[in-house]
Protein backbone atom coordinates (compact mmCIF):
# COMPACT_ATOMS: atom_id res chain seq x y z
CA MET A 1 -89.24 -13.45 12.95
CA ILE A 2 -86.34 -11.40 11.61
CA THR A 3 -84.80 -14.62 10.31
CA ASP A 4 -87.91 -15.35 8.25
CA ALA A 5 -88.03 -11.80 6.90
CA ALA A 6 -84.34 -11.96 5.96
CA ARG A 7 -84.90 -15.26 4.16
CA ARG A 8 -87.84 -13.85 2.19
CA ALA A 9 -85.76 -10.77 1.37
CA ALA A 10 -82.89 -12.99 0.19
CA VAL A 11 -85.24 -14.76 -2.22
CA ALA A 12 -86.54 -11.46 -3.59
CA LEU A 13 -83.08 -9.91 -3.84
CA ALA A 14 -81.64 -12.89 -5.69
CA TRP A 15 -84.40 -12.83 -8.31
CA LEU A 16 -84.25 -9.04 -8.61
CA PHE A 17 -80.50 -9.21 -9.15
CA ALA A 18 -80.91 -11.89 -11.83
CA ALA A 19 -83.42 -9.59 -13.57
CA ALA A 20 -80.99 -6.67 -13.22
CA VAL A 21 -78.30 -8.70 -15.00
CA VAL A 22 -80.74 -9.27 -17.88
CA VAL A 23 -81.37 -5.51 -18.02
CA GLN A 24 -77.61 -4.95 -18.08
CA VAL A 25 -77.20 -7.29 -21.03
CA PHE A 26 -80.02 -5.45 -22.81
CA LEU A 27 -78.34 -2.10 -22.16
CA ALA A 28 -75.05 -3.44 -23.50
CA GLY A 29 -76.84 -4.68 -26.62
CA LEU A 30 -78.53 -1.31 -27.00
CA SER A 31 -75.11 0.31 -26.82
CA LEU A 32 -73.82 -1.92 -29.60
CA PHE A 33 -76.81 -1.83 -31.92
CA ASP A 34 -78.45 1.55 -31.27
CA SER A 35 -76.04 4.17 -30.00
CA ALA A 36 -72.66 4.07 -28.29
CA LEU A 37 -74.00 6.84 -26.06
CA ARG A 38 -76.01 4.12 -24.28
CA TRP A 39 -72.85 2.84 -22.60
CA ASP A 40 -73.42 5.53 -19.98
CA ASP A 41 -76.76 3.86 -19.16
CA HIS A 42 -75.01 0.50 -18.85
CA ARG A 43 -72.36 1.97 -16.53
CA ALA A 44 -74.87 3.89 -14.40
CA PHE A 45 -77.21 0.93 -13.97
CA GLY A 46 -74.28 -1.35 -13.19
CA SER A 47 -73.26 0.98 -10.38
CA ALA A 48 -76.86 1.38 -9.18
CA ILE A 49 -77.31 -2.34 -8.60
CA ALA A 50 -74.20 -2.56 -6.40
CA ILE A 51 -76.32 -2.64 -3.27
CA GLY A 52 -77.98 -5.90 -4.38
CA PRO A 53 -75.13 -8.34 -3.65
CA VAL A 54 -74.34 -6.53 -0.38
CA LEU A 55 -77.93 -6.78 0.87
CA LEU A 56 -78.25 -10.35 -0.36
CA LEU A 57 -75.16 -11.43 1.56
CA LEU A 58 -76.43 -9.65 4.67
CA CYS A 59 -79.87 -11.29 4.37
CA ALA A 60 -78.29 -14.71 3.82
CA VAL A 61 -76.32 -14.37 7.06
CA VAL A 62 -79.15 -12.84 9.12
CA GLY A 63 -81.60 -15.34 7.65
CA ARG A 64 -79.29 -18.17 8.70
CA LEU A 65 -79.44 -19.73 5.28
CA PRO A 66 -77.38 -22.88 4.81
CA LEU A 67 -73.65 -22.28 4.54
CA ARG A 68 -73.63 -23.17 0.83
CA LEU A 69 -76.10 -20.34 0.15
CA ILE A 70 -74.17 -17.88 2.31
CA GLY A 71 -71.08 -18.89 0.35
CA GLY A 72 -73.02 -18.41 -2.88
CA ALA A 73 -74.04 -14.92 -1.78
CA ALA A 74 -70.38 -14.15 -1.02
CA LEU A 75 -69.48 -15.49 -4.48
CA LEU A 76 -72.10 -13.21 -6.06
CA PHE A 77 -70.58 -10.25 -4.21
CA TRP A 78 -67.10 -11.19 -5.46
CA LEU A 79 -68.27 -11.77 -9.04
CA TYR A 80 -69.95 -8.36 -9.01
CA GLY A 81 -66.70 -6.72 -7.90
CA MET A 82 -64.84 -8.56 -10.64
CA GLN A 83 -67.09 -6.92 -13.24
CA PHE A 84 -65.34 -3.61 -12.59
CA VAL A 85 -61.88 -5.20 -12.62
CA LEU A 86 -62.60 -6.94 -15.92
CA ALA A 87 -64.24 -3.92 -17.56
CA HIS A 88 -61.19 -1.78 -16.84
CA ALA A 89 -58.54 -4.38 -17.63
CA GLY A 90 -55.89 -3.07 -19.97
CA ASN A 91 -55.80 -6.34 -21.91
CA GLY A 92 -58.65 -6.95 -24.37
CA TYR A 93 -58.62 -10.69 -23.73
CA VAL A 94 -59.08 -10.13 -20.01
CA ALA A 95 -61.72 -7.43 -20.57
CA ALA A 96 -63.59 -9.85 -22.85
CA LEU A 97 -64.30 -11.94 -19.74
CA HIS A 98 -66.65 -9.16 -18.55
CA PRO A 99 -69.71 -10.58 -20.41
CA VAL A 100 -68.69 -14.13 -19.48
CA ASN A 101 -68.67 -13.05 -15.84
CA ALA A 102 -72.15 -11.60 -16.37
CA ILE A 103 -73.33 -15.11 -17.25
CA ALA A 104 -71.80 -16.36 -14.00
CA LEU A 105 -73.54 -13.54 -12.10
CA PHE A 106 -76.89 -14.47 -13.62
CA ALA A 107 -76.44 -18.20 -12.97
CA THR A 108 -75.35 -17.60 -9.38
CA ALA A 109 -78.28 -15.26 -8.69
CA VAL A 110 -80.76 -17.79 -10.11
CA TRP A 111 -79.16 -20.60 -8.09
CA LEU A 112 -79.40 -18.46 -4.95
CA GLY A 113 -83.01 -17.53 -5.67
CA ARG A 114 -84.00 -21.17 -6.09
CA GLY A 115 -82.02 -22.35 -3.09
CA ALA A 116 -83.27 -19.63 -0.76
CA ARG A 117 -86.84 -20.21 -1.94
CA ARG A 118 -86.54 -23.93 -1.20
CA VAL A 119 -85.21 -23.23 2.30
CA THR A 120 -87.90 -20.63 2.96
CA ALA A 121 -90.70 -22.82 1.59
CA GLY A 122 -89.40 -25.84 3.49
CA LYS A 123 -89.39 -23.90 6.74
CA ARG A 124 -92.96 -22.76 6.16
CA THR A 125 -94.05 -26.30 5.34
CA ALA A 126 -92.33 -27.64 8.46
CA SER A 127 -93.88 -24.87 10.59
CA ALA A 128 -97.33 -25.65 9.22
CA ALA A 129 -96.86 -29.35 9.98
CA VAL A 130 -95.78 -28.56 13.56
CA ASP A 131 -98.79 -26.26 13.97
CA ARG A 132 -101.13 -28.99 12.69
CA LEU A 133 -99.59 -31.56 15.04
CA ALA A 134 -99.75 -29.17 17.97
CA GLY A 135 -103.36 -28.36 17.13
CA SER A 136 -104.39 -32.01 16.94
CA GLY A 137 -102.61 -32.81 20.20
CA ALA A 138 -104.22 -29.90 22.04
CA GLY A 139 -107.72 -31.18 21.31
CA GLY A 140 -107.07 -34.69 22.69
């Protein structure tokens, strides 16, 4: 039961994190094209979503997702941490990798969302098939 809940939570968290990355890109754009004061919003929201990769990794492990998805959740956690390293790099060329890393964060979150959804949907389909078979066998 907790495994199923963790899997469903992993799906939701992955898609929510992907959406949060889109919001972050919007806030960065707003900072560039509206007011530089908006960088505070970008920084604050970036810090606020820190719990996402942590919870996603936890749900992937508790939900016993396939190892490739657990590894993907660990990668998402690492990529998120790298955002801070890149943003505060002293070298402009290194710091310029910050938005490139955001693309990797988005792609990884979408990949995780799709993969976790497939696993979760496949488990439900398999459970329904077992229930149907058990039901047909019980009547005979």
